[in-house]
Amino acid sequence: MEKMAGNTKEAENTNIDISHLFKSTQDLRRTLEDGIEQNSEADVENLRGLLAKTGGAAIISYAAAFRSLQVTTKSAFERVFQKFFRYPEVQESYDQLLELENAWDQSLVVCEENAGYDRSESGIPSVGSMGPIRVQLVNARTEK
């Protein structure tokens, strides 16, 4: 297997080969697939708990993949894939991951629709309005 010597700030002094890349993202793929399936079956009564469960699992899986590949940002994660794009199986794997991420996003839209959330301009919360869990929203920059 070919190895890549990491010279970027995110991956100093590491060697990453293709098998390590695939292994690092295997759990992430499985977690997204499971979450997509569970989200599509959600009903209003269990929506919040389900999203906390599937969203939390996705966050943990991304964190594990990032740690394994010794990167700290999504762009650095993508650059690891790009280093091996000359191999068709890496391109295919990356494309599949992007498709899963798009399917994940769509599953969240479906969840919102099932729960009756308003995605129109009037349904977008603003600073000072009440959030969906009865928490007043605050601007994080100004703390007002």
N, C-alpha and C. Protein backbone atom coordinates (compact mmCIF):
# COMPACT_ATOMS: atom_id res chain seq x y z
N MET A 1 0.83 -1.18 0.00
CA MET A 1 0.00 0.00 0.00
C MET A 1 0.88 1.25 0.00
N GLU A 2 0.39 2.24 -0.71
CA GLU A 2 1.12 3.50 -0.76
C GLU A 2 0.87 4.28 0.52
N LYS A 3 1.89 4.98 0.97
CA LYS A 3 1.76 5.79 2.18
C LYS A 3 1.92 7.25 1.83
N MET A 4 1.32 8.09 2.67
CA MET A 4 1.41 9.52 2.48
C MET A 4 2.04 10.10 3.73
N ALA A 5 3.10 10.83 3.59
CA ALA A 5 3.71 11.51 4.73
C ALA A 5 2.98 12.82 4.92
N GLY A 6 2.39 13.02 6.07
CA GLY A 6 1.62 14.24 6.31
C GLY A 6 2.52 15.39 6.71
N ASN A 7 2.48 16.46 5.95
CA ASN A 7 3.28 17.64 6.26
C ASN A 7 2.40 18.80 6.66
N THR A 8 1.09 18.62 6.71
CA THR A 8 0.20 19.71 7.07
C THR A 8 0.13 19.83 8.59
N LYS A 9 -0.34 20.98 9.03
CA LYS A 9 -0.47 21.21 10.46
C LYS A 9 -1.40 20.18 11.10
N GLU A 10 -2.44 19.76 10.36
CA GLU A 10 -3.41 18.82 10.92
C GLU A 10 -2.86 17.40 11.06
N ALA A 11 -1.87 17.04 10.26
CA ALA A 11 -1.42 15.65 10.25
C ALA A 11 0.10 15.56 10.19
N GLU A 12 0.75 16.22 11.10
CA GLU A 12 2.21 16.20 11.11
C GLU A 12 2.74 14.82 11.49
N ASN A 13 3.81 14.41 10.81
CA ASN A 13 4.54 13.19 11.12
C ASN A 13 3.64 11.95 11.16
N THR A 14 2.68 11.85 10.28
CA THR A 14 1.84 10.66 10.23
C THR A 14 2.00 10.00 8.87
N ASN A 15 1.78 8.73 8.85
CA ASN A 15 1.73 7.96 7.61
C ASN A 15 0.35 7.37 7.49
N ILE A 16 -0.32 7.69 6.41
CA ILE A 16 -1.67 7.20 6.18
C ILE A 16 -1.66 6.44 4.88
N ASP A 17 -2.13 5.20 4.92
CA ASP A 17 -2.26 4.45 3.68
C ASP A 17 -3.74 4.26 3.36
N ILE A 18 -4.00 3.73 2.20
CA ILE A 18 -5.38 3.59 1.74
C ILE A 18 -6.20 2.71 2.67
N SER A 19 -5.64 1.62 3.14
CA SER A 19 -6.40 0.74 4.02
C SER A 19 -6.76 1.45 5.32
N HIS A 20 -5.86 2.29 5.83
CA HIS A 20 -6.15 3.06 7.05
C HIS A 20 -7.28 4.06 6.77
N LEU A 21 -7.26 4.68 5.61
CA LEU A 21 -8.30 5.62 5.24
C LEU A 21 -9.66 4.92 5.21
N PHE A 22 -9.73 3.76 4.57
CA PHE A 22 -10.99 3.02 4.49
C PHE A 22 -11.45 2.56 5.87
N LYS A 23 -10.53 2.05 6.66
CA LYS A 23 -10.88 1.58 8.00
C LYS A 23 -11.37 2.73 8.88
N SER A 24 -10.75 3.89 8.75
CA SER A 24 -11.12 5.06 9.55
C SER A 24 -12.51 5.57 9.24
N THR A 25 -12.96 5.38 8.03
CA THR A 25 -14.28 5.89 7.64
C THR A 25 -15.37 4.81 7.61
N GLN A 26 -15.01 3.57 7.86
CA GLN A 26 -15.98 2.48 7.81
C GLN A 26 -17.09 2.66 8.84
N ASP A 27 -16.74 2.96 10.08
CA ASP A 27 -17.75 3.14 11.12
C ASP A 27 -18.61 4.36 10.84
N LEU A 28 -18.00 5.41 10.31
CA LEU A 28 -18.74 6.62 9.95
C LEU A 28 -19.81 6.30 8.92
N ARG A 29 -19.45 5.55 7.90
CA ARG A 29 -20.42 5.17 6.86
C ARG A 29 -21.58 4.37 7.46
N ARG A 30 -21.25 3.40 8.29
CA ARG A 30 -22.27 2.55 8.91
C ARG A 30 -23.20 3.39 9.79
N THR A 31 -22.63 4.31 10.56
CA THR A 31 -23.43 5.15 11.44
C THR A 31 -24.38 6.03 10.64
N LEU A 32 -23.88 6.63 9.56
CA LEU A 32 -24.75 7.47 8.73
C LEU A 32 -25.86 6.64 8.10
N GLU A 33 -25.53 5.45 7.59
CA GLU A 33 -26.54 4.58 6.99
C GLU A 33 -27.62 4.22 8.00
N ASP A 34 -27.22 3.83 9.21
CA ASP A 34 -28.18 3.48 10.25
C ASP A 34 -29.05 4.69 10.63
N GLY A 35 -28.40 5.85 10.77
CA GLY A 35 -29.14 7.05 11.13
C GLY A 35 -30.14 7.46 10.08
N ILE A 36 -29.76 7.34 8.81
CA ILE A 36 -30.67 7.68 7.72
C ILE A 36 -31.91 6.80 7.79
N GLU A 37 -31.70 5.52 8.00
CA GLU A 37 -32.82 4.58 8.08
C GLU A 37 -33.72 4.91 9.27
N GLN A 38 -33.11 5.16 10.42
CA GLN A 38 -33.90 5.47 11.61
C GLN A 38 -34.63 6.80 11.47
N ASN A 39 -33.95 7.81 10.91
CA ASN A 39 -34.58 9.12 10.74
C ASN A 39 -35.78 9.05 9.82
N SER A 40 -35.69 8.21 8.78
CA SER A 40 -36.79 8.13 7.82
C SER A 40 -38.02 7.47 8.43
N GLU A 41 -37.84 6.73 9.51
CA GLU A 41 -38.96 6.05 10.17
C GLU A 41 -39.48 6.82 11.37
N ALA A 42 -38.95 8.02 11.61
CA ALA A 42 -39.30 8.79 12.80
C ALA A 42 -40.73 9.30 12.74
N ASP A 43 -41.36 9.36 13.89
CA ASP A 43 -42.64 10.03 13.99
C ASP A 43 -42.49 11.17 15.00
N VAL A 44 -43.51 11.99 15.09
CA VAL A 44 -43.42 13.21 15.89
C VAL A 44 -43.12 12.90 17.35
N GLU A 45 -43.67 11.84 17.89
CA GLU A 45 -43.51 11.54 19.31
C GLU A 45 -42.07 11.25 19.71
N ASN A 46 -41.33 10.58 18.86
CA ASN A 46 -39.96 10.20 19.25
C ASN A 46 -38.88 10.95 18.48
N LEU A 47 -39.28 12.03 17.81
CA LEU A 47 -38.35 12.72 16.92
C LEU A 47 -37.15 13.31 17.66
N ARG A 48 -37.39 14.07 18.73
CA ARG A 48 -36.26 14.71 19.42
C ARG A 48 -35.27 13.69 19.97
N GLY A 49 -35.78 12.66 20.63
CA GLY A 49 -34.89 11.64 21.18
C GLY A 49 -34.13 10.91 20.09
N LEU A 50 -34.81 10.65 18.98
CA LEU A 50 -34.17 9.95 17.88
C LEU A 50 -33.07 10.81 17.26
N LEU A 51 -33.36 12.08 17.03
CA LEU A 51 -32.35 12.95 16.44
C LEU A 51 -31.15 13.13 17.37
N ALA A 52 -31.40 13.16 18.65
CA ALA A 52 -30.29 13.24 19.61
C ALA A 52 -29.44 11.97 19.52
N LYS A 53 -30.13 10.83 19.37
CA LYS A 53 -29.41 9.55 19.29
C LYS A 53 -28.64 9.43 17.98
N THR A 54 -29.29 9.66 16.86
CA THR A 54 -28.62 9.48 15.57
C THR A 54 -27.61 10.60 15.31
N GLY A 55 -27.97 11.83 15.68
CA GLY A 55 -27.04 12.95 15.50
C GLY A 55 -25.82 12.79 16.39
N GLY A 56 -26.03 12.36 17.62
CA GLY A 56 -24.91 12.14 18.53
C GLY A 56 -23.98 11.06 18.02
N ALA A 57 -24.56 9.99 17.50
CA ALA A 57 -23.74 8.90 16.95
C ALA A 57 -22.93 9.38 15.75
N ALA A 58 -23.54 10.22 14.91
CA ALA A 58 -22.83 10.74 13.74
C ALA A 58 -21.66 11.62 14.19
N ILE A 59 -21.89 12.46 15.18
CA ILE A 59 -20.82 13.34 15.68
C ILE A 59 -19.68 12.51 16.24
N ILE A 60 -20.00 11.49 17.01
CA ILE A 60 -18.97 10.62 17.59
C ILE A 60 -18.19 9.90 16.50
N SER A 61 -18.88 9.44 15.46
CA SER A 61 -18.22 8.73 14.36
C SER A 61 -17.31 9.66 13.56
N TYR A 62 -17.76 10.87 13.32
CA TYR A 62 -16.90 11.84 12.63
C TYR A 62 -15.67 12.13 13.48
N ALA A 63 -15.87 12.32 14.78
CA ALA A 63 -14.73 12.61 15.67
C ALA A 63 -13.73 11.47 15.66
N ALA A 64 -14.21 10.24 15.68
CA ALA A 64 -13.31 9.08 15.66
C ALA A 64 -12.53 9.02 14.34
N ALA A 65 -13.22 9.28 13.23
CA ALA A 65 -12.53 9.27 11.92
C ALA A 65 -11.50 10.39 11.86
N PHE A 66 -11.85 11.56 12.34
CA PHE A 66 -10.91 12.69 12.35
C PHE A 66 -9.69 12.36 13.20
N ARG A 67 -9.94 11.80 14.40
CA ARG A 67 -8.83 11.43 15.29
C ARG A 67 -7.93 10.40 14.64
N SER A 68 -8.52 9.40 14.05
CA SER A 68 -7.76 8.32 13.42
C SER A 68 -6.88 8.84 12.28
N LEU A 69 -7.42 9.79 11.54
CA LEU A 69 -6.67 10.36 10.41
C LEU A 69 -5.84 11.58 10.82
N GLN A 70 -5.94 11.93 12.08
CA GLN A 70 -5.19 13.04 12.67
C GLN A 70 -5.45 14.36 11.95
N VAL A 71 -6.73 14.64 11.76
CA VAL A 71 -7.15 15.91 11.18
C VAL A 71 -8.12 16.58 12.15
N THR A 72 -8.29 17.87 11.97
CA THR A 72 -9.18 18.60 12.88
C THR A 72 -10.31 19.33 12.16
N THR A 73 -10.29 19.34 10.85
CA THR A 73 -11.33 20.04 10.10
C THR A 73 -11.86 19.16 8.98
N LYS A 74 -13.05 19.51 8.51
CA LYS A 74 -13.64 18.77 7.38
C LYS A 74 -12.80 18.95 6.12
N SER A 75 -12.25 20.13 5.92
CA SER A 75 -11.43 20.34 4.72
C SER A 75 -10.14 19.50 4.78
N ALA A 76 -9.55 19.35 5.96
CA ALA A 76 -8.37 18.50 6.09
C ALA A 76 -8.74 17.03 5.86
N PHE A 77 -9.92 16.64 6.33
CA PHE A 77 -10.44 15.29 6.12
C PHE A 77 -10.57 15.02 4.62
N GLU A 78 -11.13 15.98 3.91
CA GLU A 78 -11.31 15.84 2.46
C GLU A 78 -9.96 15.80 1.74
N ARG A 79 -8.98 16.56 2.23
CA ARG A 79 -7.66 16.55 1.60
C ARG A 79 -6.97 15.19 1.72
N VAL A 80 -7.25 14.46 2.80
CA VAL A 80 -6.68 13.11 2.92
C VAL A 80 -7.20 12.25 1.78
N PHE A 81 -8.48 12.32 1.50
CA PHE A 81 -9.04 11.58 0.36
C PHE A 81 -8.41 12.04 -0.94
N GLN A 82 -8.31 13.34 -1.11
CA GLN A 82 -7.81 13.89 -2.37
C GLN A 82 -6.39 13.45 -2.68
N LYS A 83 -5.60 13.19 -1.66
CA LYS A 83 -4.22 12.73 -1.89
C LYS A 83 -4.19 11.39 -2.63
N PHE A 84 -5.29 10.62 -2.52
CA PHE A 84 -5.34 9.29 -3.13
C PHE A 84 -6.34 9.20 -4.27
N PHE A 85 -6.77 10.33 -4.80
CA PHE A 85 -7.78 10.32 -5.87
C PHE A 85 -7.32 9.62 -7.14
N ARG A 86 -6.06 9.37 -7.29
CA ARG A 86 -5.61 8.66 -8.51
C ARG A 86 -6.07 7.20 -8.50
N TYR A 87 -6.52 6.72 -7.34
CA TYR A 87 -7.04 5.36 -7.22
C TYR A 87 -8.56 5.39 -7.34
N PRO A 88 -9.12 4.68 -8.31
CA PRO A 88 -10.57 4.71 -8.51
C PRO A 88 -11.36 4.31 -7.27
N GLU A 89 -10.85 3.35 -6.49
CA GLU A 89 -11.60 2.92 -5.31
C GLU A 89 -11.69 4.02 -4.25
N VAL A 90 -10.71 4.91 -4.21
CA VAL A 90 -10.76 6.04 -3.27
C VAL A 90 -11.77 7.07 -3.77
N GLN A 91 -11.77 7.35 -5.06
CA GLN A 91 -12.74 8.28 -5.62
C GLN A 91 -14.16 7.76 -5.37
N GLU A 92 -14.35 6.47 -5.61
CA GLU A 92 -15.67 5.87 -5.40
C GLU A 92 -16.08 5.94 -3.94
N SER A 93 -15.16 5.66 -3.05
CA SER A 93 -15.43 5.72 -1.61
C SER A 93 -15.81 7.13 -1.18
N TYR A 94 -15.08 8.11 -1.68
CA TYR A 94 -15.36 9.50 -1.34
C TYR A 94 -16.73 9.91 -1.87
N ASP A 95 -17.03 9.54 -3.11
CA ASP A 95 -18.33 9.85 -3.70
C ASP A 95 -19.47 9.22 -2.89
N GLN A 96 -19.26 7.98 -2.45
CA GLN A 96 -20.27 7.30 -1.64
C GLN A 96 -20.48 8.03 -0.31
N LEU A 97 -19.39 8.50 0.28
CA LEU A 97 -19.50 9.24 1.54
C LEU A 97 -20.28 10.54 1.32
N LEU A 98 -20.01 11.24 0.23
CA LEU A 98 -20.75 12.46 -0.08
C LEU A 98 -22.24 12.16 -0.30
N GLU A 99 -22.54 11.07 -0.98
CA GLU A 99 -23.93 10.67 -1.19
C GLU A 99 -24.61 10.37 0.14
N LEU A 100 -23.89 9.69 1.05
CA LEU A 100 -24.44 9.42 2.37
C LEU A 100 -24.71 10.71 3.14
N GLU A 101 -23.78 11.65 3.06
CA GLU A 101 -23.97 12.93 3.75
C GLU A 101 -25.18 13.66 3.19
N ASN A 102 -25.36 13.64 1.87
CA ASN A 102 -26.54 14.27 1.27
C ASN A 102 -27.82 13.56 1.69
N ALA A 103 -27.78 12.23 1.73
CA ALA A 103 -28.95 11.46 2.17
C ALA A 103 -29.26 11.75 3.64
N TRP A 104 -28.20 11.91 4.44
CA TRP A 104 -28.38 12.26 5.86
C TRP A 104 -29.11 13.61 5.96
N ASP A 105 -28.62 14.60 5.22
CA ASP A 105 -29.26 15.92 5.25
C ASP A 105 -30.72 15.82 4.84
N GLN A 106 -31.00 15.05 3.80
CA GLN A 106 -32.37 14.89 3.33
C GLN A 106 -33.23 14.19 4.38
N SER A 107 -32.65 13.22 5.10
CA SER A 107 -33.41 12.53 6.14
C SER A 107 -33.80 13.49 7.26
N LEU A 108 -32.96 14.49 7.52
CA LEU A 108 -33.28 15.48 8.54
C LEU A 108 -34.42 16.39 8.07
N VAL A 109 -34.43 16.72 6.78
CA VAL A 109 -35.52 17.51 6.22
C VAL A 109 -36.83 16.75 6.36
N VAL A 110 -36.80 15.46 6.06
CA VAL A 110 -38.00 14.63 6.18
C VAL A 110 -38.46 14.58 7.63
N CYS A 111 -37.52 14.46 8.56
CA CYS A 111 -37.88 14.48 9.98
C CYS A 111 -38.58 15.77 10.35
N GLU A 112 -38.04 16.89 9.89
CA GLU A 112 -38.65 18.19 10.18
C GLU A 112 -40.06 18.26 9.60
N GLU A 113 -40.21 17.78 8.37
CA GLU A 113 -41.54 17.79 7.75
C GLU A 113 -42.51 16.92 8.52
N ASN A 114 -42.06 15.74 8.95
CA ASN A 114 -42.92 14.84 9.72
C ASN A 114 -43.33 15.46 11.05
N ALA A 115 -42.46 16.30 11.60
CA ALA A 115 -42.75 16.94 12.88
C ALA A 115 -43.54 18.23 12.71
N GLY A 116 -43.74 18.63 11.45
CA GLY A 116 -44.51 19.84 11.20
C GLY A 116 -43.73 21.12 11.33
N TYR A 117 -42.41 21.06 11.29
CA TYR A 117 -41.62 22.27 11.37
C TYR A 117 -41.83 23.10 10.11
N ASP A 118 -41.88 24.40 10.28
CA ASP A 118 -42.09 25.35 9.19
C ASP A 118 -40.73 25.76 8.63
N ARG A 119 -40.43 25.38 7.36
CA ARG A 119 -39.14 25.72 6.75
C ARG A 119 -39.24 26.99 5.90
N SER A 120 -40.36 27.69 5.97
CA SER A 120 -40.50 28.93 5.20
C SER A 120 -39.77 30.05 5.92
N GLU A 121 -39.67 31.20 5.28
CA GLU A 121 -39.01 32.36 5.89
C GLU A 121 -39.61 32.68 7.25
N SER A 122 -40.93 32.56 7.37
CA SER A 122 -41.59 32.89 8.64
C SER A 122 -41.25 31.86 9.72
N GLY A 123 -40.79 30.68 9.32
CA GLY A 123 -40.47 29.64 10.29
C GLY A 123 -39.04 29.67 10.78
N ILE A 124 -38.22 30.57 10.24
CA ILE A 124 -36.82 30.66 10.64
C ILE A 124 -36.73 31.48 11.92
N PRO A 125 -36.16 30.90 12.99
CA PRO A 125 -36.09 31.64 14.25
C PRO A 125 -35.11 32.81 14.17
N SER A 126 -35.35 33.82 14.97
CA SER A 126 -34.46 34.97 15.03
C SER A 126 -34.04 35.21 16.47
N VAL A 127 -33.04 36.04 16.65
CA VAL A 127 -32.57 36.38 17.99
C VAL A 127 -33.73 36.96 18.79
N GLY A 128 -33.91 36.45 19.99
CA GLY A 128 -34.98 36.92 20.87
C GLY A 128 -36.24 36.10 20.78
N SER A 129 -36.41 35.30 19.71
CA SER A 129 -37.60 34.47 19.60
C SER A 129 -37.42 33.20 20.42
N MET A 130 -38.52 32.54 20.69
CA MET A 130 -38.46 31.29 21.44
C MET A 130 -38.08 30.16 20.50
N GLY A 131 -37.15 29.32 20.93
CA GLY A 131 -36.72 28.18 20.15
C GLY A 131 -37.72 27.05 20.28
N PRO A 132 -37.48 25.95 19.56
CA PRO A 132 -38.44 24.84 19.57
C PRO A 132 -38.52 24.13 20.92
N ILE A 133 -37.58 24.39 21.81
CA ILE A 133 -37.63 23.74 23.12
C ILE A 133 -37.83 24.76 24.23
N ARG A 134 -38.49 25.85 23.89
CA ARG A 134 -38.82 26.91 24.83
C ARG A 134 -37.59 27.52 25.50
N VAL A 135 -36.55 27.75 24.70
CA VAL A 135 -35.34 28.42 25.15
C VAL A 135 -35.17 29.66 24.31
N GLN A 136 -35.00 30.79 24.96
CA GLN A 136 -34.84 32.03 24.20
C GLN A 136 -33.50 31.99 23.47
N LEU A 137 -33.53 32.32 22.18
CA LEU A 137 -32.32 32.32 21.37
C LEU A 137 -31.51 33.59 21.64
N VAL A 138 -30.19 33.43 21.69
CA VAL A 138 -29.29 34.54 21.97
C VAL A 138 -28.25 34.58 20.88
N ASN A 139 -27.84 35.77 20.48
CA ASN A 139 -26.77 35.93 19.52
C ASN A 139 -25.46 35.56 20.23
N ALA A 140 -24.77 34.53 19.77
CA ALA A 140 -23.57 34.03 20.45
C ALA A 140 -22.44 35.05 20.44
N ARG A 141 -22.41 35.91 19.45
CA ARG A 141 -21.33 36.90 19.36
C ARG A 141 -21.52 38.04 20.35
N THR A 142 -22.75 38.54 20.43
CA THR A 142 -23.01 39.70 21.29
C THR A 142 -23.55 39.30 22.66
N GLU A 143 -23.96 38.06 22.80
CA GLU A 143 -24.59 37.52 24.01
C GLU A 143 -25.86 38.27 24.38
N LYS A 144 -26.54 38.85 23.39
CA LYS A 144 -27.80 39.56 23.64
C LYS A 144 -28.94 38.82 23.00
